[in-house]
C-alpha atoms as a PDB file:
ATOM      1  CA  MET A   1      86.717 122.403  68.029  1.00  0.00           C
ATOM      2  CA  ASN A   2      86.512 119.309  65.843  1.00  0.00           C
ATOM      3  CA  ASP A   3      88.808 120.773  63.200  1.00  0.00           C
ATOM      4  CA  ALA A   4      91.480 121.727  65.723  1.00  0.00           C
ATOM      5  CA  LEU A   5      91.315 118.384  67.510  1.00  0.00           C
ATOM      6  CA  THR A   6      91.355 116.439  64.249  1.00  0.00           C
ATOM      7  CA  TRP A   7      94.489 118.318  63.245  1.00  0.00           C
ATOM      8  CA  VAL A   8      96.193 117.507  66.558  1.00  0.00           C
ATOM      9  CA  LEU A   9      95.270 113.826  66.367  1.00  0.00           C
ATOM     10  CA  ASP A  10      96.387 113.665  62.751  1.00  0.00           C
ATOM     11  CA  VAL A  11      99.775 115.077  63.755  1.00  0.00           C
ATOM     12  CA  VAL A  12     100.157 112.401  66.442  1.00  0.00           C
ATOM     13  CA  ASN A  13      98.869 109.710  64.107  1.00  0.00           C
ATOM     14  CA  GLY A  14     101.310 110.900  61.448  1.00  0.00           C
ATOM     15  CA  VAL A  15     104.263 109.923  63.617  1.00  0.00           C
ATOM     16  CA  ASP A  16     105.577 106.477  62.783  1.00  0.00           C
ATOM     17  CA  PRO A  17     103.955 104.007  65.243  1.00  0.00           C
ATOM     18  CA  VAL A  18     107.345 102.545  66.142  1.00  0.00           C
ATOM     19  CA  VAL A  19     108.782 105.995  66.873  1.00  0.00           C
ATOM     20  CA  ARG A  20     105.677 106.972  68.839  1.00  0.00           C
ATOM     21  CA  THR A  21     105.885 103.815  70.921  1.00  0.00           C
ATOM     22  CA  ILE A  22     109.589 104.280  71.605  1.00  0.00           C
ATOM     23  CA  ILE A  23     109.028 107.892  72.685  1.00  0.00           C
ATOM     24  CA  ALA A  24     106.370 106.773  75.168  1.00  0.00           C
ATOM     25  CA  ALA A  25     108.621 104.019  76.535  1.00  0.00           C
ATOM     26  CA  VAL A  26     111.599 106.357  76.902  1.00  0.00           C
ATOM     27  CA  GLY A  27     109.440 109.063  78.479  1.00  0.00           C
ATOM     28  CA  ILE A  28     108.140 106.758  81.165  1.00  0.00           C
ATOM     29  CA  LEU A  29     111.627 105.297  81.682  1.00  0.00           C
ATOM     30  CA  LEU A  30     113.110 108.731  82.330  1.00  0.00           C
ATOM     31  CA  GLU A  31     110.259 109.607  84.678  1.00  0.00           C
ATOM     32  CA  THR A  32     111.225 107.078  87.347  1.00  0.00           C
ATOM     33  CA  SER A  33     114.958 106.735  86.742  1.00  0.00           C
ATOM     34  CA  ILE A  34     116.500 110.212  86.770  1.00  0.00           C
ATOM     35  CA  LEU A  35     113.693 112.279  88.314  1.00  0.00           C
ATOM     36  CA  VAL A  36     112.480 113.752  85.003  1.00  0.00           C
ATOM     37  CA  GLY A  37     108.954 112.924  86.169  1.00  0.00           C
ATOM     38  CA  LEU A  38     109.222 115.776  88.658  1.00  0.00           C
ATOM     39  CA  VAL A  39     109.280 118.149  85.677  1.00  0.00           C
ATOM     40  CA  VAL A  40     107.586 116.368  82.748  1.00  0.00           C
ATOM     41  CA  PRO A  41     104.861 113.884  83.809  1.00  0.00           C
ATOM     42  CA  GLY A  42     105.162 110.586  81.982  1.00  0.00           C
ATOM     43  CA  ASP A  43     101.393 110.164  81.973  1.00  0.00           C
ATOM     44  CA  THR A  44     101.089 113.101  79.568  1.00  0.00           C
ATOM     45  CA  VAL A  45     103.509 111.484  77.119  1.00  0.00           C
ATOM     46  CA  VAL A  46     101.697 108.140  77.320  1.00  0.00           C
ATOM     47  CA  ILE A  47      98.208 109.593  76.818  1.00  0.00           C
ATOM     48  CA  VAL A  48      99.339 111.626  73.813  1.00  0.00           C
ATOM     49  CA  ALA A  49     100.992 108.552  72.299  1.00  0.00           C
ATOM     50  CA  ALA A  50      97.872 106.490  72.995  1.00  0.00           C
ATOM     51  CA  THR A  51      95.689 108.847  70.961  1.00  0.00           C
ATOM     52  CA  GLY A  52      97.577 107.713  67.872  1.00  0.00           C
ATOM     53  CA  VAL A  53      96.769 104.024  68.348  1.00  0.00           C
ATOM     54  CA  GLY A  54      95.088 102.747  65.198  1.00  0.00           C
ATOM     55  CA  SER A  55      94.984  98.977  65.590  1.00  0.00           C
ATOM     56  CA  PRO A  56      95.046  96.217  68.222  1.00  0.00           C
ATOM     57  CA  VAL A  57      98.679  95.544  67.368  1.00  0.00           C
ATOM     58  CA  GLU A  58      99.618  99.169  68.069  1.00  0.00           C
ATOM     59  CA  TYR A  59      97.601  99.076  71.302  1.00  0.00           C
ATOM     60  CA  TRP A  60      99.320  95.994  72.683  1.00  0.00           C
ATOM     61  CA  ALA A  61     102.712  97.185  71.492  1.00  0.00           C
ATOM     62  CA  LEU A  62     102.244 100.489  73.314  1.00  0.00           C
ATOM     63  CA  VAL A  63     101.050  98.780  76.502  1.00  0.00           C
ATOM     64  CA  ALA A  64     104.026  96.424  76.421  1.00  0.00           C
ATOM     65  CA  ALA A  65     106.443  99.282  75.707  1.00  0.00           C
ATOM     66  CA  VAL A  66     105.082 101.386  78.567  1.00  0.00           C
ATOM     67  CA  ILE A  67     105.327  98.455  80.984  1.00  0.00           C
ATOM     68  CA  VAL A  68     108.889  97.674  79.899  1.00  0.00           C
ATOM     69  CA  GLY A  69     109.782 101.375  80.062  1.00  0.00           C
ATOM     70  CA  SER A  70     108.288 101.688  83.538  1.00  0.00           C
ATOM     71  CA  LEU A  71     110.072  98.619  84.880  1.00  0.00           C
ATOM     72  CA  SER A  72     113.346  99.666  83.249  1.00  0.00           C
ATOM     73  CA  GLY A  73     113.060 103.149  84.723  1.00  0.00           C
ATOM     74  CA  GLU A  74     112.257 101.764  88.167  1.00  0.00           C
ATOM     75  CA  SER A  75     115.222  99.382  87.893  1.00  0.00           C
ATOM     76  CA  ILE A  76     117.602 102.164  86.830  1.00  0.00           C
ATOM     77  CA  GLY A  77     116.319 104.330  89.666  1.00  0.00           C
ATOM     78  CA  PHE A  78     116.932 101.468  92.091  1.00  0.00           C
ATOM     79  CA  ALA A  79     120.492 100.976  90.770  1.00  0.00           C
ATOM     80  CA  LEU A  80     121.239 104.711  90.966  1.00  0.00           C
ATOM     81  CA  GLY A  81     120.014 104.741  94.545  1.00  0.00           C
ATOM     82  CA  ARG A  82     122.059 101.654  95.424  1.00  0.00           C
ATOM     83  CA  PHE A  83     125.346 102.967  94.021  1.00  0.00           C
ATOM     84  CA  PHE A  84     125.000 106.756  93.956  1.00  0.00           C
ATOM     85  CA  GLY A  85     122.045 107.536  96.255  1.00  0.00           C
ATOM     86  CA  PRO A  86     123.832 109.705  98.847  1.00  0.00           C
ATOM     87  CA  ARG A  87     125.661 111.636  96.107  1.00  0.00           C
ATOM     88  CA  ILE A  88     122.443 112.304  94.215  1.00  0.00           C
ATOM     89  CA  ARG A  89     120.733 113.403  97.412  1.00  0.00           C
ATOM     90  CA  ALA A  90     123.585 115.794  98.234  1.00  0.00           C
ATOM     91  CA  SER A  91     123.787 117.133  94.665  1.00  0.00           C
ATOM     92  CA  ARG A  92     122.232 120.370  93.456  1.00  0.00           C
ATOM     93  CA  LEU A  93     119.290 118.409  92.028  1.00  0.00           C
ATOM     94  CA  GLY A  94     118.841 116.555  95.314  1.00  0.00           C
ATOM     95  CA  ARG A  95     118.814 119.831  97.233  1.00  0.00           C
ATOM     96  CA  ARG A  96     116.262 121.311  94.816  1.00  0.00           C
ATOM     97  CA  ILE A  97     113.984 118.349  95.460  1.00  0.00           C
ATOM     98  CA  GLY A  98     114.117 119.248  99.129  1.00  0.00           C
ATOM     99  CA  GLU A  99     115.268 117.357 102.187  1.00  0.00           C
ATOM    100  CA  SER A 100     111.679 117.121 103.416  1.00  0.00           C
ATOM    101  CA  ASN A 101     110.701 115.089 100.347  1.00  0.00           C
ATOM    102  CA  TRP A 102     113.653 112.721 100.796  1.00  0.00           C
ATOM    103  CA  VAL A 103     112.748 112.224 104.452  1.00  0.00           C
ATOM    104  CA  ARG A 104     109.112 111.725 103.505  1.00  0.00           C
ATOM    105  CA  ALA A 105     110.063 108.989 101.032  1.00  0.00           C
ATOM    106  CA  GLU A 106     112.397 107.306 103.541  1.00  0.00           C
ATOM    107  CA  THR A 107     109.823 107.380 106.318  1.00  0.00           C
ATOM    108  CA  TYR A 108     107.076 106.107 104.041  1.00  0.00           C
ATOM    109  CA  LEU A 109     109.222 103.218 102.849  1.00  0.00           C
ATOM    110  CA  ALA A 110     110.369 102.345 106.368  1.00  0.00           C
ATOM    111  CA  ARG A 111     106.821 102.237 107.699  1.00  0.00           C
ATOM    112  CA  ARG A 112     105.031 100.612 104.760  1.00  0.00           C
ATOM    113  CA  GLY A 113     107.681  98.475 103.084  1.00  0.00           C
ATOM    114  CA  GLY A 114     106.522  96.852  99.838  1.00  0.00           C
ATOM    115  CA  ILE A 115     103.115  98.516 100.031  1.00  0.00           C
ATOM    116  CA  ALA A 116     104.886 101.880  99.755  1.00  0.00           C
ATOM    117  CA  VAL A 117     106.546 100.726  96.529  1.00  0.00           C
ATOM    118  CA  PHE A 118     103.209  99.679  95.016  1.00  0.00           C
ATOM    119  CA  VAL A 119     101.182 102.705  96.107  1.00  0.00           C
ATOM    120  CA  SER A 120     103.904 105.249  95.288  1.00  0.00           C
ATOM    121  CA  ARG A 121     103.456 104.526  91.560  1.00  0.00           C
ATOM    122  CA  PHE A 122     100.169 106.412  91.825  1.00  0.00           C
ATOM    123  CA  LEU A 123     101.366 109.283  94.042  1.00  0.00           C
ATOM    124  CA  PRO A 124     102.990 112.544  92.899  1.00  0.00           C
ATOM    125  CA  VAL A 125     106.664 113.152  93.783  1.00  0.00           C
ATOM    126  CA  LEU A 126     106.970 109.833  95.601  1.00  0.00           C
ATOM    127  CA  HIS A 127     106.708 107.842  92.366  1.00  0.00           C
ATOM    128  CA  SER A 128     109.970 109.462  91.233  1.00  0.00           C
ATOM    129  CA  LEU A 129     111.751 109.306  94.594  1.00  0.00           C
ATOM    130  CA  ILE A 130     110.821 105.840  95.832  1.00  0.00           C
ATOM    131  CA  PRO A 131     113.012 103.834  93.386  1.00  0.00           C
ATOM    132  CA  LEU A 132     116.079 105.846  94.446  1.00  0.00           C
ATOM    133  CA  THR A 133     115.078 105.611  98.089  1.00  0.00           C
ATOM    134  CA  VAL A 134     114.598 101.849  97.885  1.00  0.00           C
ATOM    135  CA  GLY A 135     118.058 101.567  96.337  1.00  0.00           C
ATOM    136  CA  MET A 136     119.471 103.242  99.438  1.00  0.00           C
ATOM    137  CA  SER A 137     117.516 100.937 101.745  1.00  0.00           C
ATOM    138  CA  PRO A 138     118.062  97.281 102.770  1.00  0.00           C
ATOM    139  CA  MET A 139     115.198  96.126 100.508  1.00  0.00           C
ATOM    140  CA  SER A 140     116.350  93.670  97.838  1.00  0.00           C
ATOM    141  CA  TYR A 141     115.789  94.272  94.138  1.00  0.00           C
ATOM    142  CA  ARG A 142     113.728  91.078  93.905  1.00  0.00           C
ATOM    143  CA  ARG A 143     111.234  92.320  96.466  1.00  0.00           C
ATOM    144  CA  PHE A 144     111.224  95.800  94.989  1.00  0.00           C
ATOM    145  CA  ILE A 145     110.417  94.604  91.468  1.00  0.00           C
ATOM    146  CA  SER A 146     107.768  92.157  92.730  1.00  0.00           C
ATOM    147  CA  TRP A 147     105.871  95.080  94.282  1.00  0.00           C
ATOM    148  CA  THR A 148     106.362  97.652  91.538  1.00  0.00           C
ATOM    149  CA  ALA A 149     105.630  95.347  88.557  1.00  0.00           C
ATOM    150  CA  PRO A 150     101.864  94.972  89.168  1.00  0.00           C
ATOM    151  CA  ALA A 151     101.548  98.715  89.785  1.00  0.00           C
ATOM    152  CA  CYS A 152     103.301  99.451  86.486  1.00  0.00           C
ATOM    153  CA  VAL A 153     100.997  97.030  84.632  1.00  0.00           C
ATOM    154  CA  ILE A 154      97.850  98.602  86.080  1.00  0.00           C
ATOM    155  CA  TRP A 155      99.137 102.105  85.315  1.00  0.00           C
ATOM    156  CA  ALA A 156     100.042 101.227  81.712  1.00  0.00           C
ATOM    157  CA  PHE A 157      96.712  99.600  80.891  1.00  0.00           C
ATOM    158  CA  ALA A 158      94.737 102.471  82.442  1.00  0.00           C
ATOM    159  CA  TYR A 159      96.465 105.291  80.566  1.00  0.00           C
ATOM    160  CA  VAL A 160      96.864 103.583  77.207  1.00  0.00           C
ATOM    161  CA  SER A 161      93.265 102.308  77.254  1.00  0.00           C
ATOM    162  CA  VAL A 162      91.743 105.687  78.066  1.00  0.00           C
ATOM    163  CA  GLY A 163      93.868 107.600  75.548  1.00  0.00           C
ATOM    164  CA  SER A 164      93.231 105.163  72.690  1.00  0.00           C
ATOM    165  CA  ALA A 165      89.526 104.719  73.488  1.00  0.00           C
ATOM    166  CA  ALA A 166      88.895 108.470  73.668  1.00  0.00           C
ATOM    167  CA  ALA A 167      90.649 109.088  70.339  1.00  0.00           C
ATOM    168  CA  GLY A 168      88.960 106.126  68.662  1.00  0.00           C
ATOM    169  CA  GLY A 169      85.540 107.256  69.850  1.00  0.00           C
ATOM    170  CA  TYR A 170      86.185 110.771  68.622  1.00  0.00           C
ATOM    171  CA  ARG A 171      87.176 109.586  65.144  1.00  0.00           C
ATOM    172  CA  GLU A 172      83.944 107.592  64.867  1.00  0.00           C
ATOM    173  CA  LEU A 173      81.769 110.523  65.959  1.00  0.00           C
ATOM    174  CA  ALA A 174      83.618 113.491  64.447  1.00  0.00           C
ATOM    175  CA  ASP A 175      81.644 113.439  61.186  1.00  0.00           C
ATOM    176  CA  GLN A 176      78.305 112.974  62.962  1.00  0.00           C
ATOM    177  CA  LEU A 177      78.507 115.315  65.971  1.00  0.00           C
ATOM    178  CA  HIS A 178      79.861 118.832  65.874  1.00  0.00           C
ATOM    179  CA  TYR A 179      80.556 118.624  69.602  1.00  0.00           C
ATOM    180  CA  ALA A 180      82.500 115.339  69.391  1.00  0.00           C
ATOM    181  CA  GLY A 181      85.686 117.232  70.276  1.00  0.00           C
ATOM    182  CA  TYR A 182      84.151 118.330  73.562  1.00  0.00           C
ATOM    183  CA  LEU A 183      83.263 114.723  74.347  1.00  0.00           C
ATOM    184  CA  PHE A 184      86.879 113.737  73.736  1.00  0.00           C
ATOM    185  CA  VAL A 185      88.156 116.496  76.015  1.00  0.00           C
ATOM    186  CA  GLY A 186      85.528 115.563  78.593  1.00  0.00           C
ATOM    187  CA  VAL A 187      86.659 111.934  78.648  1.00  0.00           C
ATOM    188  CA  ILE A 188      90.334 112.867  79.080  1.00  0.00           C
ATOM    189  CA  VAL A 189      89.630 115.527  81.697  1.00  0.00           C
ATOM    190  CA  GLY A 190      87.220 113.214  83.517  1.00  0.00           C
ATOM    191  CA  PHE A 191      89.837 110.464  83.620  1.00  0.00           C
ATOM    192  CA  LEU A 192      92.510 112.838  84.899  1.00  0.00           C
ATOM    193  CA  LEU A 193      90.124 114.114  87.570  1.00  0.00           C
ATOM    194  CA  ILE A 194      89.433 110.544  88.669  1.00  0.00           C
ATOM    195  CA  VAL A 195      93.180 109.914  88.797  1.00  0.00           C
ATOM    196  CA  LEU A 196      93.640 113.089  90.851  1.00  0.00           C
ATOM    197  CA  VAL A 197      90.903 112.066  93.294  1.00  0.00           C
ATOM    198  CA  VAL A 198      92.354 108.558  93.632  1.00  0.00           C
ATOM    199  CA  LYS A 199      95.801 110.038  94.290  1.00  0.00           C
ATOM    200  CA  LYS A 200      94.345 112.354  96.923  1.00  0.00           C
ATOM    201  CA  LEU A 201      92.475 109.525  98.628  1.00  0.00           C
ATOM    202  CA  LEU A 202      95.512 107.239  98.556  1.00  0.00           C
ATOM    203  CA  GLY A 203      97.726 110.019  99.886  1.00  0.00           C
ATOM    204  CA  ARG A 204      95.344 110.807 102.736  1.00  0.00           C
ATOM    205  CA  ALA A 205      94.873 107.136 103.616  1.00  0.00           C
ATOM    206  CA  GLU A 206      98.618 106.562 103.715  1.00  0.00           C
ATOM    207  CA  ALA A 207      99.143 109.765 105.743  1.00  0.00           C
ATOM    208  CA  ARG A 208      96.561 108.610 108.308  1.00  0.00           C
ATOM    209  CA  HIS A 209      98.240 105.208 108.511  1.00  0.00           C
ATOM    210  CA  MET A 210     101.626 106.800 109.154  1.00  0.00           C
ATOM    211  CA  ARG A 211     100.218 109.155 111.799  1.00  0.00           C
ATOM    212  CA  ARG A 212      98.677 106.208 113.641  1.00  0.00           C
ATOM    213  CA  ASN A 213     101.997 104.392 113.548  1.00  0.00           C
ATOM    214  CA  ALA A 214     103.831 107.485 114.737  1.00  0.00           C
ATOM    215  CA  ARG A 215     101.555 107.595 117.772  1.00  0.00           C
ATOM    216  CA  GLY A 216     102.212 103.913 118.397  1.00  0.00           C
ATOM    217  CA  ASP A 217     105.565 102.231 118.781  1.00  0.00           C
ATOM    218  CA  GLY A 218     107.382 104.470 116.275  1.00  0.00           C
ATOM    219  CA  VAL A 219     107.828 101.968 113.446  1.00  0.00           C
ATOM    220  CA  SER A 220     105.136  99.730 112.045  1.00  0.00           C
ATOM    221  CA  ARG A 221     105.396  96.039 111.330  1.00  0.00           C
ATOM    222  CA  GLU A 222     105.849  96.807 107.645  1.00  0.00           C
ATOM    223  CA  GLY A 223     108.791  99.041 108.492  1.00  0.00           C
ATOM    224  CA  ASP A 224     110.377  96.368 110.685  1.00  0.00           C
ATOM    225  CA  ASP A 225     110.090  93.874 107.864  1.00  0.00           C
ATOM    226  CA  ALA A 226     111.504  96.324 105.328  1.00  0.00           C
ATOM    227  CA  ALA A 227     114.507  97.098 107.489  1.00  0.00           C
ATOM    228  CA  SER A 228     115.328  93.420 107.938  1.00  0.00           C
ATOM    229  CA  TRP A 229     114.988  92.377 104.291  1.00  0.00           C
ATOM    230  CA  PRO A 230     118.226  91.047 102.789  1.00  0.00           C
ATOM    231  CA  ARG A 231     119.711  92.458  99.603  1.00  0.00           C
ATOM    232  CA  ASP A 232     119.475  89.126  97.753  1.00  0.00           C
END
């Protein structure tokens, strides 16, 4: 196990740090801008890149690159939604995504407003659709970016920290413990399981909130605010 894992980490570490960082930034950018995240999860790209971190400079550079990539991708997604949203939705790709998912994103945004933008960064499918959906809504870019920026920062620090810490710990223990590789895998799998549980809990909490609103006056206060926001 150790030999195989060491080989994999050496391959990642052998990639030029600048190239590795750019790949991570581009991967996360594509995830939220042109719906690539529905096929290739950006978190996988970021974790793999993080395992190659070998110094504090590389760590902070990767965190910064992932944040910039996330915000750029969200911004591009917003712009695509603003100018081409209906066309994208009616395209072959939009139809493959499914009308139910588009309606789900629209309803979620209408009922939760900025909170939907923040929370969607941690939810499957919605994190790729929300930027486009916001672009098609009355919400301004300023409000959109003010809600998505902190979510992107939290996401970047979480994934880069876990990936780099797991790899760094493995390298320190590899020569001392023959089962160090299993510890590495356990840390990564444990983190991903925690992420999965958090996503499930967030999804259920938001679903309950929307059901309560649906039984009430039809549109929540957050939705009323979102619909009335100017496009400043």
